[in-house]
PDB file of N, CA and C in Angstrom:
ATOM      1  N   MET A   1      -0.406  49.175  -8.211  1.00  0.00           N
ATOM      2  CA  MET A   1      -0.148  47.829  -7.705  1.00  0.00           C
ATOM      3  C   MET A   1       0.546  47.929  -6.355  1.00  0.00           C
ATOM      4  N   ASN A   2       0.149  47.084  -5.456  1.00  0.00           N
ATOM      5  CA  ASN A   2       0.753  47.012  -4.131  1.00  0.00           C
ATOM      6  C   ASN A   2       2.044  46.200  -4.215  1.00  0.00           C
ATOM      7  N   ASN A   3       3.133  46.698  -3.636  1.00  0.00           N
ATOM      8  CA  ASN A   3       4.417  45.997  -3.698  1.00  0.00           C
ATOM      9  C   ASN A   3       4.610  45.057  -2.525  1.00  0.00           C
ATOM     10  N   SER A   4       3.558  44.523  -1.998  1.00  0.00           N
ATOM     11  CA  SER A   4       3.634  43.634  -0.847  1.00  0.00           C
ATOM     12  C   SER A   4       4.225  42.283  -1.242  1.00  0.00           C
ATOM     13  N   VAL A   5       5.051  41.723  -0.378  1.00  0.00           N
ATOM     14  CA  VAL A   5       5.617  40.394  -0.614  1.00  0.00           C
ATOM     15  C   VAL A   5       4.515  39.340  -0.513  1.00  0.00           C
ATOM     16  N   ASN A   6       3.410  39.658   0.166  1.00  0.00           N
ATOM     17  CA  ASN A   6       2.315  38.705   0.336  1.00  0.00           C
ATOM     18  C   ASN A   6       1.499  38.511  -0.932  1.00  0.00           C
ATOM     19  N   GLU A   7       1.630  39.415  -1.896  1.00  0.00           N
ATOM     20  CA  GLU A   7       0.970  39.240  -3.174  1.00  0.00           C
ATOM     21  C   GLU A   7       1.611  38.065  -3.903  1.00  0.00           C
ATOM     22  N   ALA A   8       0.880  37.469  -4.823  1.00  0.00           N
ATOM     23  CA  ALA A   8       1.444  36.377  -5.611  1.00  0.00           C
ATOM     24  C   ALA A   8       2.656  36.894  -6.381  1.00  0.00           C
ATOM     25  N   TYR A   9       3.791  36.265  -6.214  1.00  0.00           N
ATOM     26  CA  TYR A   9       5.029  36.760  -6.810  1.00  0.00           C
ATOM     27  C   TYR A   9       4.968  36.776  -8.333  1.00  0.00           C
ATOM     28  N   TRP A  10       4.240  35.838  -8.923  1.00  0.00           N
ATOM     29  CA  TRP A  10       4.177  35.779 -10.376  1.00  0.00           C
ATOM     30  C   TRP A  10       3.289  36.891 -10.950  1.00  0.00           C
ATOM     31  N   ASP A  11       2.546  37.564 -10.082  1.00  0.00           N
ATOM     32  CA  ASP A  11       1.651  38.611 -10.523  1.00  0.00           C
ATOM     33  C   ASP A  11       2.278  39.999 -10.373  1.00  0.00           C
ATOM     34  N   GLN A  12       3.542  40.069  -9.987  1.00  0.00           N
ATOM     35  CA  GLN A  12       4.221  41.342  -9.778  1.00  0.00           C
ATOM     36  C   GLN A  12       5.264  41.581 -10.868  1.00  0.00           C
ATOM     37  N   GLN A  13       5.542  42.841 -11.093  1.00  0.00           N
ATOM     38  CA  GLN A  13       6.621  43.208 -12.002  1.00  0.00           C
ATOM     39  C   GLN A  13       7.949  42.864 -11.315  1.00  0.00           C
ATOM     40  N   PRO A  14       8.943  42.398 -12.062  1.00  0.00           N
ATOM     41  CA  PRO A  14      10.220  42.007 -11.457  1.00  0.00           C
ATOM     42  C   PRO A  14      10.841  43.107 -10.595  1.00  0.00           C
ATOM     43  N   GLU A  15      10.797  44.342 -11.064  1.00  0.00           N
ATOM     44  CA  GLU A  15      11.403  45.434 -10.308  1.00  0.00           C
ATOM     45  C   GLU A  15      10.693  45.638  -8.976  1.00  0.00           C
ATOM     46  N   ALA A  16       9.361  45.529  -8.979  1.00  0.00           N
ATOM     47  CA  ALA A  16       8.582  45.695  -7.753  1.00  0.00           C
ATOM     48  C   ALA A  16       8.864  44.550  -6.775  1.00  0.00           C
ATOM     49  N   LEU A  17       8.967  43.350  -7.304  1.00  0.00           N
ATOM     50  CA  LEU A  17       9.245  42.197  -6.454  1.00  0.00           C
ATOM     51  C   LEU A  17      10.631  42.297  -5.825  1.00  0.00           C
ATOM     52  N   LEU A  18      11.626  42.666  -6.610  1.00  0.00           N
ATOM     53  CA  LEU A  18      12.982  42.824  -6.083  1.00  0.00           C
ATOM     54  C   LEU A  18      13.027  43.924  -5.028  1.00  0.00           C
ATOM     55  N   ALA A  19      12.295  45.005  -5.248  1.00  0.00           N
ATOM     56  CA  ALA A  19      12.252  46.088  -4.260  1.00  0.00           C
ATOM     57  C   ALA A  19      11.592  45.610  -2.969  1.00  0.00           C
ATOM     58  N   ALA A  20      10.496  44.856  -3.080  1.00  0.00           N
ATOM     59  CA  ALA A  20       9.796  44.346  -1.900  1.00  0.00           C
ATOM     60  C   ALA A  20      10.679  43.381  -1.110  1.00  0.00           C
ATOM     61  N   LEU A  21      11.512  42.625  -1.811  1.00  0.00           N
ATOM     62  CA  LEU A  21      12.411  41.664  -1.160  1.00  0.00           C
ATOM     63  C   LEU A  21      13.754  42.288  -0.782  1.00  0.00           C
ATOM     64  N   GLN A  22      13.900  43.568  -1.053  1.00  0.00           N
ATOM     65  CA  GLN A  22      15.132  44.302  -0.772  1.00  0.00           C
ATOM     66  C   GLN A  22      16.336  43.588  -1.388  1.00  0.00           C
ATOM     67  N   SER A  23      16.212  43.313  -2.681  1.00  0.00           N
ATOM     68  CA  SER A  23      17.255  42.625  -3.423  1.00  0.00           C
ATOM     69  C   SER A  23      17.452  43.338  -4.761  1.00  0.00           C
ATOM     70  N   SER A  24      18.264  42.742  -5.628  1.00  0.00           N
ATOM     71  CA  SER A  24      18.472  43.286  -6.970  1.00  0.00           C
ATOM     72  C   SER A  24      18.637  42.120  -7.932  1.00  0.00           C
ATOM     73  N   ALA A  25      18.660  42.429  -9.221  1.00  0.00           N
ATOM     74  CA  ALA A  25      18.835  41.384 -10.230  1.00  0.00           C
ATOM     75  C   ALA A  25      20.183  40.688 -10.077  1.00  0.00           C
ATOM     76  N   ALA A  26      21.162  41.373  -9.498  1.00  0.00           N
ATOM     77  CA  ALA A  26      22.486  40.788  -9.279  1.00  0.00           C
ATOM     78  C   ALA A  26      22.537  39.948  -8.004  1.00  0.00           C
ATOM     79  N   GLY A  27      21.475  40.000  -7.197  1.00  0.00           N
ATOM     80  CA  GLY A  27      21.450  39.244  -5.951  1.00  0.00           C
ATOM     81  C   GLY A  27      21.842  40.106  -4.769  1.00  0.00           C
ATOM     82  N   LEU A  28      22.059  39.472  -3.636  1.00  0.00           N
ATOM     83  CA  LEU A  28      22.427  40.171  -2.408  1.00  0.00           C
ATOM     84  C   LEU A  28      23.935  40.353  -2.337  1.00  0.00           C
ATOM     85  N   ASP A  29      24.360  41.430  -1.676  1.00  0.00           N
ATOM     86  CA  ASP A  29      25.794  41.547  -1.417  1.00  0.00           C
ATOM     87  C   ASP A  29      26.141  40.651  -0.228  1.00  0.00           C
ATOM     88  N   THR A  30      27.407  40.461   0.030  1.00  0.00           N
ATOM     89  CA  THR A  30      27.856  39.529   1.068  1.00  0.00           C
ATOM     90  C   THR A  30      27.319  39.893   2.438  1.00  0.00           C
ATOM     91  N   ALA A  31      27.301  41.187   2.764  1.00  0.00           N
ATOM     92  CA  ALA A  31      26.819  41.619   4.084  1.00  0.00           C
ATOM     93  C   ALA A  31      25.330  41.315   4.252  1.00  0.00           C
ATOM     94  N   ALA A  32      24.540  41.624   3.231  1.00  0.00           N
ATOM     95  CA  ALA A  32      23.099  41.367   3.305  1.00  0.00           C
ATOM     96  C   ALA A  32      22.821  39.871   3.370  1.00  0.00           C
ATOM     97  N   ALA A  33      23.563  39.084   2.602  1.00  0.00           N
ATOM     98  CA  ALA A  33      23.384  37.626   2.628  1.00  0.00           C
ATOM     99  C   ALA A  33      23.740  37.078   4.005  1.00  0.00           C
ATOM    100  N   GLY A  34      24.821  37.565   4.598  1.00  0.00           N
ATOM    101  CA  GLY A  34      25.215  37.119   5.933  1.00  0.00           C
ATOM    102  C   GLY A  34      24.185  37.487   6.980  1.00  0.00           C
ATOM    103  N   GLN A  35      23.619  38.685   6.879  1.00  0.00           N
ATOM    104  CA  GLN A  35      22.589  39.122   7.823  1.00  0.00           C
ATOM    105  C   GLN A  35      21.347  38.251   7.710  1.00  0.00           C
ATOM    106  N   ARG A  36      20.920  37.959   6.486  1.00  0.00           N
ATOM    107  CA  ARG A  36      19.731  37.115   6.301  1.00  0.00           C
ATOM    108  C   ARG A  36      19.994  35.682   6.748  1.00  0.00           C
ATOM    109  N   LEU A  37      21.212  35.211   6.565  1.00  0.00           N
ATOM    110  CA  LEU A  37      21.552  33.877   7.039  1.00  0.00           C
ATOM    111  C   LEU A  37      21.441  33.806   8.555  1.00  0.00           C
ATOM    112  N   LYS A  38      21.915  34.859   9.242  1.00  0.00           N
ATOM    113  CA  LYS A  38      21.792  34.900  10.703  1.00  0.00           C
ATOM    114  C   LYS A  38      20.334  35.003  11.133  1.00  0.00           C
ATOM    115  N   GLU A  39      19.575  35.814  10.424  1.00  0.00           N
ATOM    116  CA  GLU A  39      18.186  36.062  10.811  1.00  0.00           C
ATOM    117  C   GLU A  39      17.271  34.880  10.513  1.00  0.00           C
ATOM    118  N   TYR A  40      17.404  34.284   9.323  1.00  0.00           N
ATOM    119  CA  TYR A  40      16.467  33.244   8.888  1.00  0.00           C
ATOM    120  C   TYR A  40      17.046  31.832   8.887  1.00  0.00           C
ATOM    121  N   GLY A  41      18.361  31.706   8.995  1.00  0.00           N
ATOM    122  CA  GLY A  41      18.989  30.393   8.955  1.00  0.00           C
ATOM    123  C   GLY A  41      19.255  29.948   7.529  1.00  0.00           C
ATOM    124  N   PRO A  42      19.900  28.795   7.376  1.00  0.00           N
ATOM    125  CA  PRO A  42      20.232  28.311   6.030  1.00  0.00           C
ATOM    126  C   PRO A  42      18.983  27.855   5.280  1.00  0.00           C
ATOM    127  N   ASN A  43      19.053  27.906   3.980  1.00  0.00           N
ATOM    128  CA  ASN A  43      17.948  27.507   3.117  1.00  0.00           C
ATOM    129  C   ASN A  43      18.064  26.002   2.844  1.00  0.00           C
ATOM    130  N   LEU A  44      17.641  25.218   3.831  1.00  0.00           N
ATOM    131  CA  LEU A  44      17.752  23.768   3.728  1.00  0.00           C
ATOM    132  C   LEU A  44      16.398  23.113   3.923  1.00  0.00           C
ATOM    133  N   LEU A  45      16.199  21.997   3.264  1.00  0.00           N
ATOM    134  CA  LEU A  45      15.005  21.196   3.484  1.00  0.00           C
ATOM    135  C   LEU A  45      15.269  20.230   4.632  1.00  0.00           C
ATOM    136  N   ARG A  46      14.254  20.001   5.422  1.00  0.00           N
ATOM    137  CA  ARG A  46      14.390  19.030   6.506  1.00  0.00           C
ATOM    138  C   ARG A  46      14.350  17.619   5.929  1.00  0.00           C
ATOM    139  N   ALA A  47      15.154  16.747   6.503  1.00  0.00           N
ATOM    140  CA  ALA A  47      15.163  15.357   6.049  1.00  0.00           C
ATOM    141  C   ALA A  47      13.871  14.681   6.493  1.00  0.00           C
ATOM    142  N   ARG A  48      13.305  13.897   5.604  1.00  0.00           N
ATOM    143  CA  ARG A  48      12.093  13.148   5.934  1.00  0.00           C
ATOM    144  C   ARG A  48      12.467  11.740   6.337  1.00  0.00           C
ATOM    145  N   GLU A  49      11.636  11.181   7.180  1.00  0.00           N
ATOM    146  CA  GLU A  49      11.866   9.784   7.513  1.00  0.00           C
ATOM    147  C   GLU A  49      11.374   8.925   6.351  1.00  0.00           C
ATOM    148  N   LYS A  50      12.032   7.798   6.139  1.00  0.00           N
ATOM    149  CA  LYS A  50      11.674   6.918   5.040  1.00  0.00           C
ATOM    150  C   LYS A  50      10.340   6.233   5.348  1.00  0.00           C
ATOM    151  N   VAL A  51       9.462   6.187   4.359  1.00  0.00           N
ATOM    152  CA  VAL A  51       8.154   5.565   4.535  1.00  0.00           C
ATOM    153  C   VAL A  51       8.240   4.110   4.115  1.00  0.00           C
ATOM    154  N   THR A  52       7.923   3.228   5.031  1.00  0.00           N
ATOM    155  CA  THR A  52       7.936   1.796   4.725  1.00  0.00           C
ATOM    156  C   THR A  52       6.574   1.388   4.170  1.00  0.00           C
ATOM    157  N   ALA A  53       6.517   0.214   3.574  1.00  0.00           N
ATOM    158  CA  ALA A  53       5.260  -0.303   3.029  1.00  0.00           C
ATOM    159  C   ALA A  53       4.230  -0.487   4.147  1.00  0.00           C
ATOM    160  N   LEU A  54       4.675  -0.937   5.313  1.00  0.00           N
ATOM    161  CA  LEU A  54       3.763  -1.132   6.435  1.00  0.00           C
ATOM    162  C   LEU A  54       3.190   0.211   6.892  1.00  0.00           C
ATOM    163  N   ARG A  55       4.020   1.237   6.989  1.00  0.00           N
ATOM    164  CA  ARG A  55       3.553   2.560   7.403  1.00  0.00           C
ATOM    165  C   ARG A  55       2.554   3.096   6.392  1.00  0.00           C
ATOM    166  N   LEU A  56       2.817   2.881   5.110  1.00  0.00           N
ATOM    167  CA  LEU A  56       1.911   3.332   4.064  1.00  0.00           C
ATOM    168  C   LEU A  56       0.557   2.638   4.199  1.00  0.00           C
ATOM    169  N   LEU A  57       0.567   1.342   4.460  1.00  0.00           N
ATOM    170  CA  LEU A  57      -0.675   0.593   4.642  1.00  0.00           C
ATOM    171  C   LEU A  57      -1.445   1.106   5.855  1.00  0.00           C
ATOM    172  N   LEU A  58      -0.759   1.282   6.967  1.00  0.00           N
ATOM    173  CA  LEU A  58      -1.422   1.739   8.188  1.00  0.00           C
ATOM    174  C   LEU A  58      -1.957   3.160   8.041  1.00  0.00           C
ATOM    175  N   ASP A  59      -1.255   3.996   7.306  1.00  0.00           N
ATOM    176  CA  ASP A  59      -1.701   5.375   7.107  1.00  0.00           C
ATOM    177  C   ASP A  59      -2.994   5.454   6.301  1.00  0.00           C
ATOM    178  N   GLN A  60      -3.283   4.417   5.513  1.00  0.00           N
ATOM    179  CA  GLN A  60      -4.529   4.412   4.736  1.00  0.00           C
ATOM    180  C   GLN A  60      -5.749   4.449   5.645  1.00  0.00           C
ATOM    181  N   PHE A  61      -5.633   3.918   6.845  1.00  0.00           N
ATOM    182  CA  PHE A  61      -6.763   3.833   7.762  1.00  0.00           C
ATOM    183  C   PHE A  61      -7.006   5.127   8.527  1.00  0.00           C
ATOM    184  N   LYS A  62      -6.200   6.147   8.269  1.00  0.00           N
ATOM    185  CA  LYS A  62      -6.421   7.449   8.876  1.00  0.00           C
ATOM    186  C   LYS A  62      -7.519   8.219   8.147  1.00  0.00           C
ATOM    187  N   SER A  63      -7.834   7.804   6.942  1.00  0.00           N
ATOM    188  CA  SER A  63      -8.833   8.500   6.144  1.00  0.00           C
ATOM    189  C   SER A  63     -10.234   8.149   6.629  1.00  0.00           C
ATOM    190  N   PRO A  64     -11.079   9.147   6.887  1.00  0.00           N
ATOM    191  CA  PRO A  64     -12.457   8.864   7.309  1.00  0.00           C
ATOM    192  C   PRO A  64     -13.237   8.083   6.254  1.00  0.00           C
ATOM    193  N   VAL A  65     -12.920   8.273   4.993  1.00  0.00           N
ATOM    194  CA  VAL A  65     -13.623   7.555   3.926  1.00  0.00           C
ATOM    195  C   VAL A  65     -13.368   6.061   4.054  1.00  0.00           C
ATOM    196  N   VAL A  66     -12.147   5.667   4.344  1.00  0.00           N
ATOM    197  CA  VAL A  66     -11.811   4.249   4.494  1.00  0.00           C
ATOM    198  C   VAL A  66     -12.546   3.662   5.692  1.00  0.00           C
ATOM    199  N   LEU A  67     -12.727   4.455   6.722  1.00  0.00           N
ATOM    200  CA  LEU A  67     -13.413   3.958   7.920  1.00  0.00           C
ATOM    201  C   LEU A  67     -14.924   3.869   7.712  1.00  0.00           C
ATOM    202  N   ILE A  68     -15.496   4.713   6.873  1.00  0.00           N
ATOM    203  CA  ILE A  68     -16.936   4.736   6.639  1.00  0.00           C
ATOM    204  C   ILE A  68     -17.364   3.678   5.627  1.00  0.00           C
ATOM    205  N   LEU A  69     -16.604   3.498   4.545  1.00  0.00           N
ATOM    206  CA  LEU A  69     -17.008   2.618   3.470  1.00  0.00           C
ATOM    207  C   LEU A  69     -17.258   1.161   3.873  1.00  0.00           C
ATOM    208  N   PRO A  70     -16.449   0.545   4.743  1.00  0.00           N
ATOM    209  CA  PRO A  70     -16.735  -0.839   5.101  1.00  0.00           C
ATOM    210  C   PRO A  70     -18.101  -1.016   5.749  1.00  0.00           C
ATOM    211  N   GLY A  71     -18.673   0.013   6.344  1.00  0.00           N
ATOM    212  CA  GLY A  71     -19.990  -0.070   6.966  1.00  0.00           C
ATOM    213  C   GLY A  71     -21.112  -0.292   5.964  1.00  0.00           C
ATOM    214  N   TYR A  72     -20.870   0.040   4.705  1.00  0.00           N
ATOM    215  CA  TYR A  72     -21.887  -0.164   3.685  1.00  0.00           C
ATOM    216  C   TYR A  72     -21.874  -1.594   3.161  1.00  0.00           C
ATOM    217  N   GLY A  73     -20.831  -2.337   3.419  1.00  0.00           N
ATOM    218  CA  GLY A  73     -20.770  -3.723   2.989  1.00  0.00           C
ATOM    219  C   GLY A  73     -20.869  -3.895   1.478  1.00  0.00           C
ATOM    220  N   GLY A  74     -20.467  -2.894   0.732  1.00  0.00           N
ATOM    221  CA  GLY A  74     -20.517  -2.986  -0.716  1.00  0.00           C
ATOM    222  C   GLY A  74     -21.882  -2.683  -1.302  1.00  0.00           C
ATOM    223  N   ARG A  75     -22.877  -2.364  -0.461  1.00  0.00           N
ATOM    224  CA  ARG A  75     -24.223  -2.058  -0.962  1.00  0.00           C
ATOM    225  C   ARG A  75     -24.361  -0.546  -1.118  1.00  0.00           C
ATOM    226  N   MET A  76     -24.776  -0.135  -2.259  1.00  0.00           N
ATOM    227  CA  MET A  76     -25.031   1.287  -2.471  1.00  0.00           C
ATOM    228  C   MET A  76     -26.280   1.492  -3.239  1.00  0.00           C
TER     229      MET A  76
END
């Protein structure tokens, strides 16, 4: 088995996955965690803008299917 991180993680043995990620079952030590924080930044999700009802309605017209269907006039 290839120990590549690009392989599906659920398809790897835990020991192989931890080795590929350079970690252990106990987690990272403080120095390694600090280095990864500097290298990759904090593990945060970006805030999304709130979707209003009007935006949701207008976004429906971005679909090519919505733009094509009115041309049939309900006849199929």
